[in-house]
Amino acid sequence: MQNLRSFLPPLVASSGKSHQALLLPNGQVYVSGSNHYGELGIGSEVTKPLLGSDRMILAQSVMNVVCGDIQTSVITIDGDVYTCGSFQSRMDEDSNIGQVYPSRISLDLPAVKVASGFTLIAVLLRDGSVFTIGTNLPTDDPFGDYEDEDEDEEEDEDDNEPLPKPSSSVPIRINLPLPAIDIACGENWVIAVLQDGSVYGWGDNIAGQLGVRNPRKRDNPGVSREDLNFRVEPVPMDLPMGQKAKAVACGFQHTIVLMEDGSVYGCGENDYSQLGLPELNPLSWSYSLLKLKLPQPVIDITCGSNTTCCITEEGEAYTYGGSDKSPRRMMIQGYVQSVAIGDYSTIVILEDDSVLTAGAVNNPRTSYPVKANVIGELATYLS
């Protein structure tokens, strides 16, 4: 007789800024970690992190869960999207009132994927349309006072009238030339893979995370430097010749693209070698896609704030960034099915549904994945 487990959906894990979530095959979501803004969706806010696990309050079964910076989003089996937590900046304490119960977002069609950034989320619907909710604001220049090459002229502050930025508490449809098949959110930008394998991005491009070079200030004297770095409308990413994308992932200031042939490329910030390369010179970021060196074709990608993880067709996971200056294989026994990376924790799910965790989710904290002693206990019935 075939194992009943083979008919159940896989486990899904997600790790945000300081909180984590695990979706069980029965459609229930269990959460742990920070809940200062109601991001756990358990009906209350607490100042201290939830060290154990609690069930997110939802009336419907869930098919996907995504942890953002200070919010959590789920897609139910009916394709409805619910969110909890806050879409305000963590720095804006006065206006940061969190949603402690998951609240439904009104959409015309069922959703198939949701991606979460710093203060916004993007939703991919069944027909390939993409909507965003929240606030998409430019980032303060993380690299200091950026100056264009060959820029000699003084800025005219009177002419630097800022352009409008997308901001809405209701879904905004994004104008894309074709239906999308995948989406990802960085800190404050969005990337979409379209059905023809092209890639479009919009929002912040201060580090080249959209894969296109910013216009020069000297050619746009009436526009502020902030707005030259910020793309309000979607722009096409410059893909390597002959390549078509099939998936995308974003970190704090970098973008990773998985191509149809299993190769992986990245652009944006490389301060922590999250592009899988030594430090770039003379800049610490790249406006163009650079190929990551991998021993095998890749089938899945994910990003943390300053890290990148690639899962190969052999079920091996390779990480870049953090303290590593070169790709490092996760020393895990078993076929890796998925990896979720947060700022302070990592969750690894193996093909046999073993759950491994590392970082703050463990007590005591570990720097390498071990058998889960917090979230993983909820999945013991699968054994």
Protein backbone atom coordinates (compact mmCIF):
# COMPACT_ATOMS: atom_id res chain seq x y z
CA MET A 1 0.00 0.00 0.00
CA GLN A 2 1.30 3.44 -0.89
CA ASN A 3 2.26 5.71 2.00
CA LEU A 4 -0.56 8.14 2.80
CA ARG A 5 2.07 10.86 3.30
CA SER A 6 2.73 10.89 -0.47
CA PHE A 7 -0.75 12.35 -1.04
CA LEU A 8 -0.23 15.29 1.32
CA PRO A 9 1.20 18.68 0.32
CA PRO A 10 4.82 19.36 1.29
CA LEU A 11 5.82 21.30 4.35
CA VAL A 12 6.44 24.99 3.70
CA ALA A 13 8.74 27.14 5.83
CA SER A 14 9.36 30.88 5.78
CA SER A 15 11.63 33.09 7.86
CA GLY A 16 11.33 36.87 8.13
CA LYS A 17 13.24 39.60 9.90
CA SER A 18 12.76 38.11 13.37
CA HIS A 19 9.90 35.64 13.01
CA GLN A 20 9.27 32.27 11.39
CA ALA A 21 6.35 30.23 10.08
CA LEU A 22 5.80 26.58 9.22
CA LEU A 23 2.86 25.42 7.11
CA LEU A 24 1.86 21.84 7.85
CA PRO A 25 0.28 19.52 5.27
CA ASN A 26 -3.08 19.87 7.04
CA GLY A 27 -3.20 23.54 6.07
CA GLN A 28 -2.41 24.95 9.52
CA VAL A 29 0.30 27.60 10.04
CA TYR A 30 2.44 27.66 13.19
CA VAL A 31 4.52 30.71 14.02
CA SER A 32 7.23 31.79 16.44
CA GLY A 33 9.59 34.70 17.08
CA SER A 34 8.93 38.44 17.15
CA ASN A 35 5.32 39.62 17.41
CA HIS A 36 5.82 43.30 18.28
CA TYR A 37 3.69 44.37 15.29
CA GLY A 38 1.25 41.46 15.28
CA GLU A 39 3.17 39.69 12.51
CA LEU A 40 2.41 36.25 13.96
CA GLY A 41 -1.35 36.68 13.46
CA ILE A 42 -2.24 35.17 16.84
CA GLY A 43 -4.62 37.92 17.94
CA SER A 44 -2.25 39.93 20.08
CA GLU A 45 0.97 41.93 20.12
CA VAL A 46 3.77 41.15 22.55
CA THR A 47 7.00 42.96 23.30
CA LYS A 48 8.95 39.76 23.89
CA PRO A 49 9.49 37.15 21.13
CA LEU A 50 7.38 34.01 21.19
CA LEU A 51 9.96 31.32 21.96
CA GLY A 52 7.58 28.43 21.52
CA SER A 53 5.11 27.99 18.68
CA ASP A 54 1.51 29.10 18.30
CA ARG A 55 -1.10 28.59 15.60
CA MET A 56 -1.98 31.51 13.33
CA ILE A 57 -5.68 32.37 13.58
CA LEU A 58 -7.22 31.49 10.21
CA ALA A 59 -10.63 30.11 9.27
CA GLN A 60 -9.41 28.49 6.03
CA SER A 61 -6.70 25.99 5.24
CA VAL A 62 -3.52 27.51 3.81
CA MET A 63 -1.45 26.50 0.80
CA ASN A 64 1.45 28.97 1.17
CA VAL A 65 2.95 31.30 3.78
CA VAL A 66 5.51 34.11 3.44
CA CYS A 67 7.20 36.08 6.23
CA GLY A 68 8.25 39.63 5.44
CA ASP A 69 10.09 42.18 7.53
CA ILE A 70 7.31 42.83 10.06
CA GLN A 71 4.38 41.17 8.33
CA THR A 72 3.17 37.71 7.32
CA SER A 73 1.05 36.77 4.31
CA VAL A 74 -0.75 33.55 3.47
CA ILE A 75 -2.65 32.16 0.49
CA THR A 76 -5.60 29.93 1.36
CA ILE A 77 -6.72 26.90 -0.61
CA ASP A 78 -9.36 29.14 -2.22
CA GLY A 79 -6.69 31.55 -3.45
CA ASP A 80 -7.50 34.29 -0.93
CA VAL A 81 -4.65 36.39 0.48
CA TYR A 82 -4.54 37.31 4.17
CA THR A 83 -1.94 39.52 5.86
CA CYS A 84 -1.07 40.45 9.42
CA GLY A 85 1.52 42.74 10.96
CA SER A 86 2.45 46.14 9.54
CA PHE A 87 3.43 47.71 6.22
CA GLN A 88 4.90 50.78 7.89
CA SER A 89 8.61 51.28 8.49
CA ARG A 90 9.88 49.87 11.76
CA MET A 91 11.41 53.31 12.33
CA ASP A 92 8.00 55.00 12.19
CA GLU A 93 6.77 53.92 15.63
CA ASP A 94 3.97 56.50 15.90
CA SER A 95 2.05 55.30 12.83
CA ASN A 96 3.01 51.65 13.07
CA ILE A 97 -0.20 50.02 14.23
CA GLY A 98 -0.05 46.32 13.47
CA GLN A 99 -2.86 44.05 12.31
CA VAL A 100 -2.90 41.30 14.95
CA TYR A 101 -5.48 39.16 13.11
CA PRO A 102 -4.95 38.09 9.47
CA SER A 103 -6.96 40.42 7.25
CA ARG A 104 -8.20 39.49 3.76
CA ILE A 105 -7.03 41.47 0.74
CA SER A 106 -9.70 42.00 -1.92
CA LEU A 107 -8.58 40.62 -5.30
CA ASP A 108 -10.48 39.82 -8.49
CA LEU A 109 -8.99 36.33 -9.02
CA PRO A 110 -7.35 33.64 -6.88
CA ALA A 111 -3.70 34.22 -6.00
CA VAL A 112 -0.97 31.69 -6.78
CA LYS A 113 1.99 33.42 -5.11
CA VAL A 114 2.70 36.24 -2.69
CA ALA A 115 6.08 37.91 -2.10
CA SER A 116 6.93 40.18 0.81
CA GLY A 117 9.37 43.07 1.14
CA PHE A 118 10.08 45.74 3.74
CA THR A 119 6.86 47.77 3.58
CA LEU A 120 5.03 46.17 0.66
CA ILE A 121 3.89 42.85 -0.77
CA ALA A 122 3.35 41.69 -4.35
CA VAL A 123 0.68 39.19 -5.37
CA LEU A 124 0.65 37.03 -8.50
CA LEU A 125 -2.84 36.04 -9.61
CA ARG A 126 -3.97 32.99 -11.57
CA ASP A 127 -4.14 34.94 -14.85
CA GLY A 128 -0.55 36.18 -14.51
CA SER A 129 -1.41 39.70 -13.37
CA VAL A 130 0.62 41.29 -10.57
CA PHE A 131 -0.64 43.58 -7.81
CA THR A 132 1.21 45.41 -5.05
CA ILE A 133 0.00 46.62 -1.65
CA GLY A 134 1.84 48.91 0.75
CA THR A 135 4.44 51.65 0.45
CA ASN A 136 7.39 51.52 -1.92
CA LEU A 137 9.87 54.18 -0.82
CA PRO A 138 13.47 54.77 -1.91
CA THR A 139 16.24 53.68 0.41
CA ASP A 140 18.74 56.07 1.91
CA ASP A 141 21.94 55.60 -0.07
CA PRO A 142 23.68 52.67 1.72
CA PHE A 143 26.94 53.40 -0.08
CA GLY A 144 27.37 57.01 1.06
CA ASP A 145 27.06 60.05 -1.19
CA TYR A 146 26.78 58.41 -4.60
CA GLU A 147 28.20 60.42 -7.49
CA ASP A 148 27.74 59.78 -11.18
CA GLU A 149 30.82 59.31 -13.30
CA ASP A 150 31.90 62.54 -15.04
CA GLU A 151 29.41 64.57 -13.00
CA ASP A 152 30.73 68.10 -12.75
CA GLU A 153 27.70 70.30 -12.43
CA GLU A 154 26.07 71.49 -9.23
CA GLU A 155 22.65 70.15 -8.29
CA ASP A 156 19.82 72.62 -8.52
CA GLU A 157 17.73 71.84 -5.47
CA ASP A 158 14.81 73.88 -6.77
CA ASP A 159 14.55 71.58 -9.80
CA ASN A 160 14.73 68.36 -7.79
CA GLU A 161 11.01 67.87 -7.44
CA PRO A 162 10.47 64.25 -6.33
CA LEU A 163 8.46 61.94 -8.55
CA PRO A 164 5.40 60.15 -7.12
CA LYS A 165 6.03 56.75 -5.54
CA PRO A 166 3.56 53.84 -5.49
CA SER A 167 1.76 53.76 -2.14
CA SER A 168 -1.64 52.25 -1.44
CA SER A 169 -3.52 50.27 1.17
CA VAL A 170 -5.50 48.60 -1.64
CA PRO A 171 -4.06 46.43 -4.44
CA ILE A 172 -2.53 48.32 -7.38
CA ARG A 173 -2.29 46.48 -10.70
CA ILE A 174 1.14 46.68 -12.31
CA ASN A 175 1.33 47.35 -16.04
CA LEU A 176 3.40 44.50 -17.51
CA PRO A 177 3.67 43.58 -21.21
CA LEU A 178 2.90 39.88 -20.61
CA PRO A 179 1.51 37.68 -17.82
CA ALA A 180 3.98 36.85 -15.07
CA ILE A 181 4.99 33.37 -13.88
CA ASP A 182 7.02 34.35 -10.81
CA ILE A 183 7.55 37.35 -8.49
CA ALA A 184 9.89 38.40 -5.70
CA CYS A 185 10.26 41.43 -3.42
CA GLY A 186 13.44 43.00 -2.17
CA GLU A 187 13.54 45.62 0.53
CA ASN A 188 11.56 48.12 -1.58
CA TRP A 189 11.47 46.86 -5.13
CA VAL A 190 9.71 44.08 -7.04
CA ILE A 191 10.92 41.68 -9.74
CA ALA A 192 8.62 39.71 -12.07
CA VAL A 193 9.46 36.88 -14.47
CA LEU A 194 7.14 36.94 -17.49
CA GLN A 195 5.86 33.97 -19.47
CA ASP A 196 8.38 34.53 -22.27
CA GLY A 197 11.31 34.30 -19.83
CA SER A 198 11.94 38.05 -19.69
CA VAL A 199 12.36 39.84 -16.35
CA TYR A 200 10.95 43.22 -15.33
CA GLY A 201 11.57 45.20 -12.16
CA TRP A 202 10.40 48.42 -10.51
CA GLY A 203 11.19 50.36 -7.37
CA ASP A 204 14.59 51.03 -5.83
CA ASN A 205 17.69 50.56 -8.00
CA ILE A 206 20.32 52.24 -5.81
CA ALA A 207 22.57 49.15 -5.99
CA GLY A 208 21.59 47.96 -9.47
CA GLN A 209 19.21 45.34 -8.08
CA LEU A 210 16.89 45.84 -11.09
CA GLY A 211 19.69 44.73 -13.40
CA VAL A 212 19.76 48.03 -15.31
CA ARG A 213 22.11 51.02 -15.05
CA ASN A 214 20.69 54.19 -13.56
CA PRO A 215 20.46 57.28 -15.76
CA ARG A 216 23.20 59.87 -15.24
CA LYS A 217 22.52 62.98 -13.23
CA ARG A 218 24.20 65.25 -15.76
CA ASP A 219 21.72 64.08 -18.43
CA ASN A 220 18.75 64.70 -16.11
CA PRO A 221 19.48 67.99 -14.33
CA GLY A 222 15.86 68.58 -13.32
CA VAL A 223 15.40 65.25 -11.55
CA SER A 224 16.66 64.41 -8.07
CA ARG A 225 19.30 61.74 -7.62
CA GLU A 226 16.80 59.80 -5.52
CA ASP A 227 14.39 59.58 -8.43
CA LEU A 228 17.09 58.56 -10.89
CA ASN A 229 17.73 55.57 -8.65
CA PHE A 230 14.03 54.74 -8.34
CA ARG A 231 11.98 53.29 -11.22
CA VAL A 232 8.27 54.00 -10.87
CA GLU A 233 7.35 51.95 -13.96
CA PRO A 234 8.57 48.40 -14.69
CA VAL A 235 11.80 48.24 -16.72
CA PRO A 236 13.23 45.15 -18.48
CA MET A 237 16.30 43.53 -16.96
CA ASP A 238 19.25 42.98 -19.28
CA LEU A 239 19.49 39.17 -19.42
CA PRO A 240 22.51 37.35 -20.87
CA MET A 241 22.09 36.61 -24.57
CA GLY A 242 20.03 33.49 -25.24
CA GLN A 243 18.93 33.07 -21.62
CA LYS A 244 15.36 32.86 -20.36
CA ALA A 245 14.46 33.18 -16.68
CA LYS A 246 12.11 30.90 -14.79
CA ALA A 247 12.40 32.10 -11.17
CA VAL A 248 13.70 35.02 -9.14
CA ALA A 249 14.63 35.76 -5.51
CA CYS A 250 15.58 39.00 -3.75
CA GLY A 251 17.58 39.98 -0.68
CA PHE A 252 18.01 43.31 1.04
CA GLN A 253 19.84 44.92 -1.91
CA HIS A 254 20.48 42.10 -4.41
CA THR A 255 18.55 40.02 -6.96
CA ILE A 256 19.15 36.40 -7.99
CA VAL A 257 17.72 34.98 -11.24
CA LEU A 258 17.38 31.27 -12.07
CA MET A 259 17.51 30.53 -15.78
CA GLU A 260 15.73 27.72 -17.63
CA ASP A 261 19.02 25.84 -18.13
CA GLY A 262 19.71 25.75 -14.39
CA SER A 263 22.32 28.50 -14.38
CA VAL A 264 22.08 31.32 -11.82
CA TYR A 265 22.88 35.03 -12.17
CA GLY A 266 22.84 37.91 -9.71
CA CYS A 267 23.03 41.69 -9.57
CA GLY A 268 22.97 44.43 -6.96
CA GLU A 269 24.94 44.67 -3.73
CA ASN A 270 27.90 42.35 -3.18
CA ASP A 271 29.32 43.71 0.10
CA TYR A 272 28.99 40.26 1.69
CA SER A 273 29.76 38.26 -1.49
CA GLN A 274 26.05 37.44 -1.77
CA LEU A 275 26.55 37.31 -5.56
CA GLY A 276 28.92 34.42 -5.03
CA LEU A 277 31.93 36.47 -6.11
CA PRO A 278 34.88 38.12 -4.39
CA GLU A 279 34.49 41.84 -3.69
CA LEU A 280 33.84 43.76 -6.88
CA ASN A 281 36.10 46.65 -7.84
CA PRO A 282 35.89 49.57 -7.95
CA LEU A 283 32.24 49.32 -6.85
CA SER A 284 30.75 46.97 -4.27
CA TRP A 285 27.67 46.36 -6.43
CA SER A 286 26.81 45.44 -10.02
CA TYR A 287 24.23 46.90 -12.39
CA SER A 288 24.52 43.88 -14.71
CA LEU A 289 23.86 40.21 -14.06
CA LEU A 290 26.91 38.17 -13.05
CA LYS A 291 26.99 34.36 -13.25
CA LEU A 292 27.33 32.42 -10.01
CA LYS A 293 29.74 29.49 -10.01
CA LEU A 294 27.96 26.24 -9.16
CA PRO A 295 28.96 22.57 -9.56
CA GLN A 296 25.52 21.44 -10.77
CA PRO A 297 22.41 22.90 -12.40
CA VAL A 298 20.06 24.58 -9.92
CA ILE A 299 16.35 23.90 -9.41
CA ASP A 300 15.49 26.43 -6.68
CA ILE A 301 16.82 29.70 -5.25
CA THR A 302 16.16 31.79 -2.16
CA CYS A 303 17.70 34.82 -0.49
CA GLY A 304 18.22 36.23 2.98
CA SER A 305 19.05 39.88 3.55
CA ASN A 306 22.72 39.47 2.63
CA THR A 307 22.81 35.81 1.64
CA THR A 308 21.91 33.62 -1.31
CA CYS A 309 21.05 29.92 -1.36
CA CYS A 310 20.88 27.64 -4.41
CA ILE A 311 19.48 24.10 -4.35
CA THR A 312 20.96 21.89 -7.06
CA GLU A 313 19.30 19.06 -8.94
CA GLU A 314 21.20 16.65 -6.68
CA GLY A 315 19.49 18.10 -3.61
CA GLU A 316 22.55 19.95 -2.34
CA ALA A 317 22.27 23.47 -0.94
CA TYR A 318 25.02 26.04 -1.57
CA THR A 319 25.11 29.37 0.26
CA TYR A 320 26.83 32.68 -0.47
CA GLY A 321 27.24 35.74 1.69
CA GLY A 322 27.43 36.51 5.37
CA SER A 323 30.89 35.58 6.58
CA ASP A 324 31.52 33.38 3.54
CA LYS A 325 33.57 34.80 0.69
CA SER A 326 33.00 31.76 -1.53
CA PRO A 327 30.15 29.29 -2.13
CA ARG A 328 29.78 26.85 0.73
CA ARG A 329 27.76 23.65 0.71
CA MET A 330 25.42 23.09 3.65
CA MET A 331 26.66 19.96 5.39
CA ILE A 332 23.31 18.20 5.59
CA GLN A 333 22.55 14.49 5.33
CA GLY A 334 19.63 14.11 2.95
CA TYR A 335 18.05 15.68 -0.12
CA VAL A 336 17.26 19.35 0.49
CA GLN A 337 13.73 20.25 -0.61
CA SER A 338 13.61 23.90 0.46
CA VAL A 339 15.47 26.51 2.49
CA ALA A 340 14.03 29.59 4.23
CA ILE A 341 16.49 32.29 5.35
CA GLY A 342 15.71 35.11 7.76
CA ASP A 343 17.95 37.70 9.38
CA TYR A 344 18.48 35.56 12.46
CA SER A 345 17.32 32.06 11.53
CA THR A 346 17.39 29.45 8.79
CA ILE A 347 14.92 26.61 8.25
CA VAL A 348 15.76 23.62 6.03
CA ILE A 349 13.19 21.04 4.94
CA LEU A 350 14.43 17.72 3.57
CA GLU A 351 12.66 15.46 1.11
CA ASP A 352 11.67 13.11 3.94
CA ASP A 353 10.03 16.09 5.74
CA SER A 354 12.76 16.37 8.35
CA VAL A 355 12.94 19.96 9.59
CA LEU A 356 16.34 21.45 10.47
CA THR A 357 16.83 24.89 11.99
CA ALA A 358 19.77 27.17 12.73
CA GLY A 359 20.17 30.55 14.39
CA ALA A 360 17.94 32.33 16.87
CA VAL A 361 15.07 29.86 16.44
CA ASN A 362 17.20 27.32 18.33
CA ASN A 363 17.83 27.42 22.07
CA PRO A 364 20.75 27.44 22.47
CA ARG A 365 21.46 29.22 19.19
CA THR A 366 23.42 27.22 16.59
CA SER A 367 25.33 28.35 13.52
CA TYR A 368 24.56 25.15 11.60
CA PRO A 369 21.27 23.31 10.88
CA VAL A 370 20.22 20.80 13.53
CA LYS A 371 17.08 18.78 14.09
CA ALA A 372 14.40 21.33 14.92
CA ASN A 373 13.68 21.73 18.62
CA VAL A 374 11.04 24.46 18.28
CA ILE A 375 9.04 24.60 15.06
CA GLY A 376 10.07 21.11 13.97
CA GLU A 377 8.31 19.48 16.93
CA LEU A 378 4.98 20.35 15.31
CA ALA A 379 5.76 18.04 12.40
CA THR A 380 6.60 14.94 14.41
CA TYR A 381 3.29 13.32 13.50
CA LEU A 382 4.64 12.93 9.97
CA SER A 383 7.27 10.41 11.08
